[in-house]
Amino acid sequence: GDFFTSDMAGMIIEISDNVAPANNGEYEII
């Protein structure tokens, strides 16, 4: 589906529903 697009660089991404709870949270797309 071409989800990630070039304009997303610099935006915030939230990861959720992962089997490793430590992965869940917010990160910045570099």
Full PDB file with SEQRES, HELIX, SHEET, SSBOND, CRYST1, ORIGX, SCALE, CONECT and MASTER records, all heavy atoms in Angstrom:
SEQRES   1 A   30  GLY ASP PHE PHE THR SER ASP MET ALA GLY MET ILE ILE          
SEQRES   2 A   30  GLU ILE SER ASP ASN VAL ALA PRO ALA ASN ASN GLY GLU          
SEQRES   3 A   30  TYR GLU ILE ILE                                              
HELIX    1 AA1 SER A    6  MET A    8  5                                   3    
HELIX    2 AA2 PRO A   21  ASN A   23  5                                   3    
SHEET    1 AA1 2 ILE A  12  ILE A  15  0                                        
SHEET    2 AA1 2 GLY A  25  GLU A  28 -1                                        
CRYST1    1.000    1.000    1.000  90.00  90.00  90.00 P 1           1          
ORIGX1      1.000000  0.000000  0.000000        0.00000                         
ORIGX2      0.000000  1.000000  0.000000        0.00000                         
ORIGX3      0.000000  0.000000  1.000000        0.00000                         
SCALE1      1.000000  0.000000  0.000000        0.00000                         
SCALE2      0.000000  1.000000  0.000000        0.00000                         
SCALE3      0.000000  0.000000  1.000000        0.00000                         
ATOM      1  N   GLY A   1       0.761  -1.241   0.000  1.00  0.00           N  
ATOM      2  CA  GLY A   1       0.000   0.000   0.000  1.00  0.00           C  
ATOM      3  C   GLY A   1       0.789   1.287   0.000  1.00  0.00           C  
ATOM      4  O   GLY A   1       0.193   2.366   0.080  1.00  0.00           O  
ATOM      5  N   ASP A   2       2.126   1.245  -0.105  1.00  0.00           N  
ATOM      6  CA  ASP A   2       2.928   2.481  -0.112  1.00  0.00           C  
ATOM      7  C   ASP A   2       2.554   3.384   1.063  1.00  0.00           C  
ATOM      8  O   ASP A   2       2.299   4.581   0.896  1.00  0.00           O  
ATOM      9  CB  ASP A   2       2.745   3.251  -1.425  1.00  0.00           C  
ATOM     10  CG  ASP A   2       3.296   2.492  -2.621  1.00  0.00           C  
ATOM     11  OD1 ASP A   2       4.334   1.826  -2.455  1.00  0.00           O  
ATOM     12  OD2 ASP A   2       2.698   2.546  -3.702  1.00  0.00           O  
ATOM     13  N   PHE A   3       2.522   2.817   2.269  1.00  0.00           N  
ATOM     14  CA  PHE A   3       2.047   3.587   3.419  1.00  0.00           C  
ATOM     15  C   PHE A   3       2.964   4.748   3.751  1.00  0.00           C  
ATOM     16  O   PHE A   3       2.525   5.891   3.874  1.00  0.00           O  
ATOM     17  CB  PHE A   3       1.892   2.672   4.640  1.00  0.00           C  
ATOM     18  CG  PHE A   3       1.495   3.406   5.886  1.00  0.00           C  
ATOM     19  CD1 PHE A   3       0.206   3.894   6.029  1.00  0.00           C  
ATOM     20  CD2 PHE A   3       2.404   3.638   6.904  1.00  0.00           C  
ATOM     21  CE1 PHE A   3      -0.174   4.598   7.174  1.00  0.00           C  
ATOM     22  CE2 PHE A   3       2.040   4.332   8.050  1.00  0.00           C  
ATOM     23  CZ  PHE A   3       0.746   4.811   8.184  1.00  0.00           C  
ATOM     24  N   PHE A   4       4.266   4.465   3.909  1.00  0.00           N  
ATOM     25  CA  PHE A   4       5.205   5.535   4.240  1.00  0.00           C  
ATOM     26  C   PHE A   4       5.523   6.347   2.994  1.00  0.00           C  
ATOM     27  O   PHE A   4       5.928   5.807   1.969  1.00  0.00           O  
ATOM     28  CB  PHE A   4       6.489   4.959   4.845  1.00  0.00           C  
ATOM     29  CG  PHE A   4       6.298   4.367   6.208  1.00  0.00           C  
ATOM     30  CD1 PHE A   4       6.527   3.010   6.426  1.00  0.00           C  
ATOM     31  CD2 PHE A   4       5.877   5.144   7.271  1.00  0.00           C  
ATOM     32  CE1 PHE A   4       6.349   2.459   7.680  1.00  0.00           C  
ATOM     33  CE2 PHE A   4       5.692   4.590   8.529  1.00  0.00           C  
ATOM     34  CZ  PHE A   4       5.927   3.242   8.739  1.00  0.00           C  
ATOM     35  N   THR A   5       5.345   7.643   3.075  1.00  0.00           N  
ATOM     36  CA  THR A   5       5.618   8.546   1.958  1.00  0.00           C  
ATOM     37  C   THR A   5       6.679   9.556   2.372  1.00  0.00           C  
ATOM     38  O   THR A   5       6.918   9.779   3.562  1.00  0.00           O  
ATOM     39  CB  THR A   5       4.336   9.271   1.517  1.00  0.00           C  
ATOM     40  OG1 THR A   5       3.744   9.914   2.667  1.00  0.00           O  
ATOM     41  CG2 THR A   5       3.336   8.291   0.921  1.00  0.00           C  
ATOM     42  N   SER A   6       7.298  10.209   1.388  1.00  0.00           N  
ATOM     43  CA  SER A   6       8.438  11.092   1.667  1.00  0.00           C  
ATOM     44  C   SER A   6       8.069  12.262   2.565  1.00  0.00           C  
ATOM     45  O   SER A   6       8.911  12.765   3.313  1.00  0.00           O  
ATOM     46  CB  SER A   6       9.041  11.590   0.355  1.00  0.00           C  
ATOM     47  OG  SER A   6       8.064  12.288  -0.402  1.00  0.00           O  
ATOM     48  N   ASP A   7       6.817  12.726   2.526  1.00  0.00           N  
ATOM     49  CA  ASP A   7       6.434  13.868   3.353  1.00  0.00           C  
ATOM     50  C   ASP A   7       6.372  13.513   4.836  1.00  0.00           C  
ATOM     51  O   ASP A   7       6.280  14.404   5.685  1.00  0.00           O  
ATOM     52  CB  ASP A   7       5.085  14.424   2.902  1.00  0.00           C  
ATOM     53  CG  ASP A   7       3.934  13.469   3.195  1.00  0.00           C  
ATOM     54  OD1 ASP A   7       3.957  12.350   2.660  1.00  0.00           O  
ATOM     55  OD2 ASP A   7       3.010  13.847   3.941  1.00  0.00           O  
ATOM     56  N   MET A   8       6.415  12.209   5.167  1.00  0.00           N  
ATOM     57  CA  MET A   8       6.358  11.801   6.570  1.00  0.00           C  
ATOM     58  C   MET A   8       7.685  12.002   7.301  1.00  0.00           C  
ATOM     59  O   MET A   8       7.719  11.925   8.534  1.00  0.00           O  
ATOM     60  CB  MET A   8       5.935  10.338   6.680  1.00  0.00           C  
ATOM     61  CG  MET A   8       4.507  10.066   6.267  1.00  0.00           C  
ATOM     62  SD  MET A   8       4.076   8.320   6.492  1.00  0.00           S  
ATOM     63  CE  MET A   8       2.378   8.286   5.953  1.00  0.00           C  
ATOM     64  N   ALA A   9       8.768  12.216   6.577  1.00  0.00           N  
ATOM     65  CA  ALA A   9      10.055  12.454   7.236  1.00  0.00           C  
ATOM     66  C   ALA A   9       9.953  13.694   8.115  1.00  0.00           C  
ATOM     67  O   ALA A   9       9.553  14.760   7.659  1.00  0.00           O  
ATOM     68  CB  ALA A   9      11.159  12.617   6.199  1.00  0.00           C  
ATOM     69  N   GLY A  10      10.276  13.549   9.390  1.00  0.00           N  
ATOM     70  CA  GLY A  10      10.157  14.633  10.347  1.00  0.00           C  
ATOM     71  C   GLY A  10       8.909  14.552  11.194  1.00  0.00           C  
ATOM     72  O   GLY A  10       8.789  15.277  12.186  1.00  0.00           O  
ATOM     73  N   MET A  11       7.957  13.685  10.834  1.00  0.00           N  
ATOM     74  CA  MET A  11       6.726  13.544  11.618  1.00  0.00           C  
ATOM     75  C   MET A  11       6.933  12.550  12.760  1.00  0.00           C  
ATOM     76  O   MET A  11       7.950  11.866  12.846  1.00  0.00           O  
ATOM     77  CB  MET A  11       5.570  13.109  10.712  1.00  0.00           C  
ATOM     78  CG  MET A  11       5.177  14.119   9.659  1.00  0.00           C  
ATOM     79  SD  MET A  11       3.686  13.615   8.753  1.00  0.00           S  
ATOM     80  CE  MET A  11       3.603  14.893   7.508  1.00  0.00           C  
ATOM     81  N   ILE A  12       5.933  12.468  13.616  1.00  0.00           N  
ATOM     82  CA  ILE A  12       5.949  11.564  14.764  1.00  0.00           C  
ATOM     83  C   ILE A  12       5.210  10.288  14.400  1.00  0.00           C  
ATOM     84  O   ILE A  12       4.146  10.339  13.767  1.00  0.00           O  
ATOM     85  CB  ILE A  12       5.294  12.231  15.991  1.00  0.00           C  
ATOM     86  CG1 ILE A  12       6.052  13.500  16.376  1.00  0.00           C  
ATOM     87  CG2 ILE A  12       5.243  11.259  17.170  1.00  0.00           C  
ATOM     88  CD1 ILE A  12       7.480  13.266  16.821  1.00  0.00           C  
ATOM     89  N   ILE A  13       5.749   9.126  14.796  1.00  0.00           N  
ATOM     90  CA  ILE A  13       5.076   7.860  14.588  1.00  0.00           C  
ATOM     91  C   ILE A  13       4.835   7.196  15.941  1.00  0.00           C  
ATOM     92  O   ILE A  13       5.728   7.165  16.799  1.00  0.00           O  
ATOM     93  CB  ILE A  13       5.876   6.918  13.658  1.00  0.00           C  
ATOM     94  CG1 ILE A  13       5.108   5.614  13.417  1.00  0.00           C  
ATOM     95  CG2 ILE A  13       7.265   6.653  14.177  1.00  0.00           C  
ATOM     96  CD1 ILE A  13       5.720   4.734  12.347  1.00  0.00           C  
ATOM     97  N   GLU A  14       3.630   6.708  16.133  1.00  0.00           N  
ATOM     98  CA  GLU A  14       3.276   5.985  17.360  1.00  0.00           C  
ATOM     99  C   GLU A  14       3.168   4.495  17.043  1.00  0.00           C  
ATOM    100  O   GLU A  14       2.432   4.098  16.127  1.00  0.00           O  
ATOM    101  CB  GLU A  14       1.947   6.488  17.916  1.00  0.00           C  
ATOM    102  CG  GLU A  14       1.520   5.767  19.187  1.00  0.00           C  
ATOM    103  CD  GLU A  14       0.145   6.192  19.669  1.00  0.00           C  
ATOM    104  OE1 GLU A  14      -0.472   7.068  19.036  1.00  0.00           O  
ATOM    105  OE2 GLU A  14      -0.320   5.623  20.682  1.00  0.00           O  
ATOM    106  N   ILE A  15       3.917   3.684  17.785  1.00  0.00           N  
ATOM    107  CA  ILE A  15       3.872   2.232  17.643  1.00  0.00           C  
ATOM    108  C   ILE A  15       3.026   1.671  18.784  1.00  0.00           C  
ATOM    109  O   ILE A  15       3.234   2.029  19.951  1.00  0.00           O  
ATOM    110  CB  ILE A  15       5.285   1.621  17.676  1.00  0.00           C  
ATOM    111  CG1 ILE A  15       6.134   2.182  16.530  1.00  0.00           C  
ATOM    112  CG2 ILE A  15       5.226   0.099  17.592  1.00  0.00           C  
ATOM    113  CD1 ILE A  15       7.575   1.707  16.543  1.00  0.00           C  
ATOM    114  N   SER A  16       2.085   0.816  18.442  1.00  0.00           N  
ATOM    115  CA  SER A  16       1.239   0.187  19.460  1.00  0.00           C  
ATOM    116  C   SER A  16       0.941  -1.247  19.058  1.00  0.00           C  
ATOM    117  O   SER A  16       1.200  -1.662  17.910  1.00  0.00           O  
ATOM    118  CB  SER A  16      -0.056   0.984  19.654  1.00  0.00           C  
ATOM    119  OG  SER A  16      -0.787   1.046  18.441  1.00  0.00           O  
ATOM    120  N   ASP A  17       0.403  -2.006  19.995  1.00  0.00           N  
ATOM    121  CA  ASP A  17      -0.036  -3.394  19.752  1.00  0.00           C  
ATOM    122  C   ASP A  17       1.105  -4.309  19.332  1.00  0.00           C  
ATOM    123  O   ASP A  17       0.884  -5.292  18.614  1.00  0.00           O  
ATOM    124  CB  ASP A  17      -1.143  -3.431  18.676  1.00  0.00           C  
ATOM    125  CG  ASP A  17      -2.359  -2.610  19.061  1.00  0.00           C  
ATOM    126  OD1 ASP A  17      -2.649  -2.518  20.268  1.00  0.00           O  
ATOM    127  OD2 ASP A  17      -3.015  -2.060  18.155  1.00  0.00           O  
ATOM    128  N   ASN A  18       2.316  -4.014  19.768  1.00  0.00           N  
ATOM    129  CA  ASN A  18       3.432  -4.909  19.488  1.00  0.00           C  
ATOM    130  C   ASN A  18       3.602  -5.893  20.635  1.00  0.00           C  
ATOM    131  O   ASN A  18       3.287  -5.577  21.784  1.00  0.00           O  
ATOM    132  CB  ASN A  18       4.718  -4.112  19.252  1.00  0.00           C  
ATOM    133  CG  ASN A  18       5.862  -4.987  18.771  1.00  0.00           C  
ATOM    134  OD1 ASN A  18       6.816  -5.233  19.505  1.00  0.00           O  
ATOM    135  ND2 ASN A  18       5.773  -5.457  17.537  1.00  0.00           N  
ATOM    136  N   VAL A  19       4.130  -7.078  20.309  1.00  0.00           N  
ATOM    137  CA  VAL A  19       4.272  -8.113  21.338  1.00  0.00           C  
ATOM    138  C   VAL A  19       5.276  -7.714  22.410  1.00  0.00           C  
ATOM    139  O   VAL A  19       5.216  -8.219  23.537  1.00  0.00           O  
ATOM    140  CB  VAL A  19       4.684  -9.457  20.701  1.00  0.00           C  
ATOM    141  CG1 VAL A  19       3.567  -9.993  19.823  1.00  0.00           C  
ATOM    142  CG2 VAL A  19       5.963  -9.286  19.877  1.00  0.00           C  
ATOM    143  N   ALA A  20       6.212  -6.827  22.059  1.00  0.00           N  
ATOM    144  CA  ALA A  20       7.184  -6.342  23.042  1.00  0.00           C  
ATOM    145  C   ALA A  20       6.715  -4.995  23.552  1.00  0.00           C  
ATOM    146  O   ALA A  20       6.787  -3.996  22.827  1.00  0.00           O  
ATOM    147  CB  ALA A  20       8.573  -6.231  22.419  1.00  0.00           C  
ATOM    148  N   PRO A  21       6.209  -4.910  24.792  1.00  0.00           N  
ATOM    149  CA  PRO A  21       5.680  -3.640  25.298  1.00  0.00           C  
ATOM    150  C   PRO A  21       6.685  -2.501  25.257  1.00  0.00           C  
ATOM    151  O   PRO A  21       6.296  -1.335  25.122  1.00  0.00           O  
ATOM    152  CB  PRO A  21       5.278  -3.985  26.740  1.00  0.00           C  
ATOM    153  CG  PRO A  21       5.068  -5.465  26.744  1.00  0.00           C  
ATOM    154  CD  PRO A  21       6.056  -6.013  25.759  1.00  0.00           C  
ATOM    155  N   ALA A  22       7.978  -2.812  25.355  1.00  0.00           N  
ATOM    156  CA  ALA A  22       8.990  -1.755  25.351  1.00  0.00           C  
ATOM    157  C   ALA A  22       9.048  -1.020  24.012  1.00  0.00           C  
ATOM    158  O   ALA A  22       9.528   0.109  23.938  1.00  0.00           O  
ATOM    159  CB  ALA A  22      10.360  -2.333  25.679  1.00  0.00           C  
ATOM    160  N   ASN A  23       8.555  -1.664  22.939  1.00  0.00           N  
ATOM    161  CA  ASN A  23       8.575  -1.015  21.628  1.00  0.00           C  
ATOM    162  C   ASN A  23       7.477   0.027  21.475  1.00  0.00           C  
ATOM    163  O   ASN A  23       7.578   0.923  20.648  1.00  0.00           O  
ATOM    164  CB  ASN A  23       8.422  -2.058  20.516  1.00  0.00           C  
ATOM    165  CG  ASN A  23       9.628  -2.965  20.402  1.00  0.00           C  
ATOM    166  OD1 ASN A  23      10.706  -2.622  20.860  1.00  0.00           O  
ATOM    167  ND2 ASN A  23       9.447  -4.134  19.803  1.00  0.00           N  
ATOM    168  N   ASN A  24       6.401  -0.144  22.224  1.00  0.00           N  
ATOM    169  CA  ASN A  24       5.257   0.758  22.062  1.00  0.00           C  
ATOM    170  C   ASN A  24       5.606   2.154  22.557  1.00  0.00           C  
ATOM    171  O   ASN A  24       6.270   2.327  23.579  1.00  0.00           O  
ATOM    172  CB  ASN A  24       4.054   0.208  22.823  1.00  0.00           C  
ATOM    173  CG  ASN A  24       3.564  -1.111  22.245  1.00  0.00           C  
ATOM    174  OD1 ASN A  24       3.675  -1.352  21.050  1.00  0.00           O  
ATOM    175  ND2 ASN A  24       3.019  -1.975  23.100  1.00  0.00           N  
ATOM    176  N   GLY A  25       5.156   3.161  21.827  1.00  0.00           N  
ATOM    177  CA  GLY A  25       5.434   4.546  22.192  1.00  0.00           C  
ATOM    178  C   GLY A  25       5.635   5.398  20.957  1.00  0.00           C  
ATOM    179  O   GLY A  25       5.373   4.967  19.822  1.00  0.00           O  
ATOM    180  N   GLU A  26       6.093   6.623  21.162  1.00  0.00           N  
ATOM    181  CA  GLU A  26       6.275   7.565  20.069  1.00  0.00           C  
ATOM    182  C   GLU A  26       7.744   7.706  19.695  1.00  0.00           C  
ATOM    183  O   GLU A  26       8.626   7.729  20.563  1.00  0.00           O  
ATOM    184  CB  GLU A  26       5.715   8.941  20.450  1.00  0.00           C  
ATOM    185  CG  GLU A  26       4.194   8.991  20.504  1.00  0.00           C  
ATOM    186  CD  GLU A  26       3.673  10.400  20.662  1.00  0.00           C  
ATOM    187  OE1 GLU A  26       4.446  11.292  21.070  1.00  0.00           O  
ATOM    188  OE2 GLU A  26       2.477  10.617  20.369  1.00  0.00           O  
ATOM    189  N   TYR A  27       7.988   7.836  18.384  1.00  0.00           N  
ATOM    190  CA  TYR A  27       9.322   8.042  17.824  1.00  0.00           C  
ATOM    191  C   TYR A  27       9.218   9.106  16.736  1.00  0.00           C  
ATOM    192  O   TYR A  27       8.120   9.475  16.317  1.00  0.00           O  
ATOM    193  CB  TYR A  27       9.879   6.741  17.229  1.00  0.00           C  
ATOM    194  CG  TYR A  27       9.951   5.595  18.217  1.00  0.00           C  
ATOM    195  CD1 TYR A  27       8.825   4.796  18.470  1.00  0.00           C  
ATOM    196  CD2 TYR A  27      11.119   5.314  18.911  1.00  0.00           C  
ATOM    197  CE1 TYR A  27       8.884   3.755  19.378  1.00  0.00           C  
ATOM    198  CE2 TYR A  27      11.186   4.263  19.814  1.00  0.00           C  
ATOM    199  CZ  TYR A  27      10.056   3.495  20.045  1.00  0.00           C  
ATOM    200  OH  TYR A  27      10.114   2.457  20.950  1.00  0.00           O  
ATOM    201  N   GLU A  28      10.354   9.586  16.291  1.00  0.00           N  
ATOM    202  CA  GLU A  28      10.397  10.542  15.182  1.00  0.00           C  
ATOM    203  C   GLU A  28      10.927   9.839  13.948  1.00  0.00           C  
ATOM    204  O   GLU A  28      11.887   9.071  14.015  1.00  0.00           O  
ATOM    205  CB  GLU A  28      11.295  11.731  15.519  1.00  0.00           C  
ATOM    206  CG  GLU A  28      11.334  12.794  14.428  1.00  0.00           C  
ATOM    207  CD  GLU A  28      12.232  13.966  14.755  1.00  0.00           C  
ATOM    208  OE1 GLU A  28      12.635  14.085  15.928  1.00  0.00           O  
ATOM    209  OE2 GLU A  28      12.530  14.765  13.845  1.00  0.00           O  
ATOM    210  N   ILE A  29      10.304  10.106  12.798  1.00  0.00           N  
ATOM    211  CA  ILE A  29      10.760   9.525  11.534  1.00  0.00           C  
ATOM    212  C   ILE A  29      11.915  10.371  11.001  1.00  0.00           C  
ATOM    213  O   ILE A  29      11.735  11.547  10.676  1.00  0.00           O  
ATOM    214  CB  ILE A  29       9.614   9.452  10.517  1.00  0.00           C  
ATOM    215  CG1 ILE A  29       8.473   8.594  11.055  1.00  0.00           C  
ATOM    216  CG2 ILE A  29      10.108   8.909   9.183  1.00  0.00           C  
ATOM    217  CD1 ILE A  29       7.254   8.548  10.146  1.00  0.00           C  
ATOM    218  N   ILE A  30      13.091   9.780  10.917  1.00  0.00           N  
ATOM    219  CA  ILE A  30      14.269  10.510  10.455  1.00  0.00           C  
ATOM    220  C   ILE A  30      14.427  10.431   8.941  1.00  0.00           C  
ATOM    221  O   ILE A  30      14.948  11.335   8.295  1.00  0.00           O  
ATOM    222  CB  ILE A  30      15.548   9.996  11.153  1.00  0.00           C  
ATOM    223  CG1 ILE A  30      16.750  10.872  10.842  1.00  0.00           C  
ATOM    224  CG2 ILE A  30      15.839   8.562  10.774  1.00  0.00           C  
ATOM    225  CD1 ILE A  30      16.732  12.195  11.514  1.00  0.00           C  
TER     226      ILE A  30                                                      
MASTER        0    0    0    2    2    0    0    6  225    1    0    3          
END                                                                             
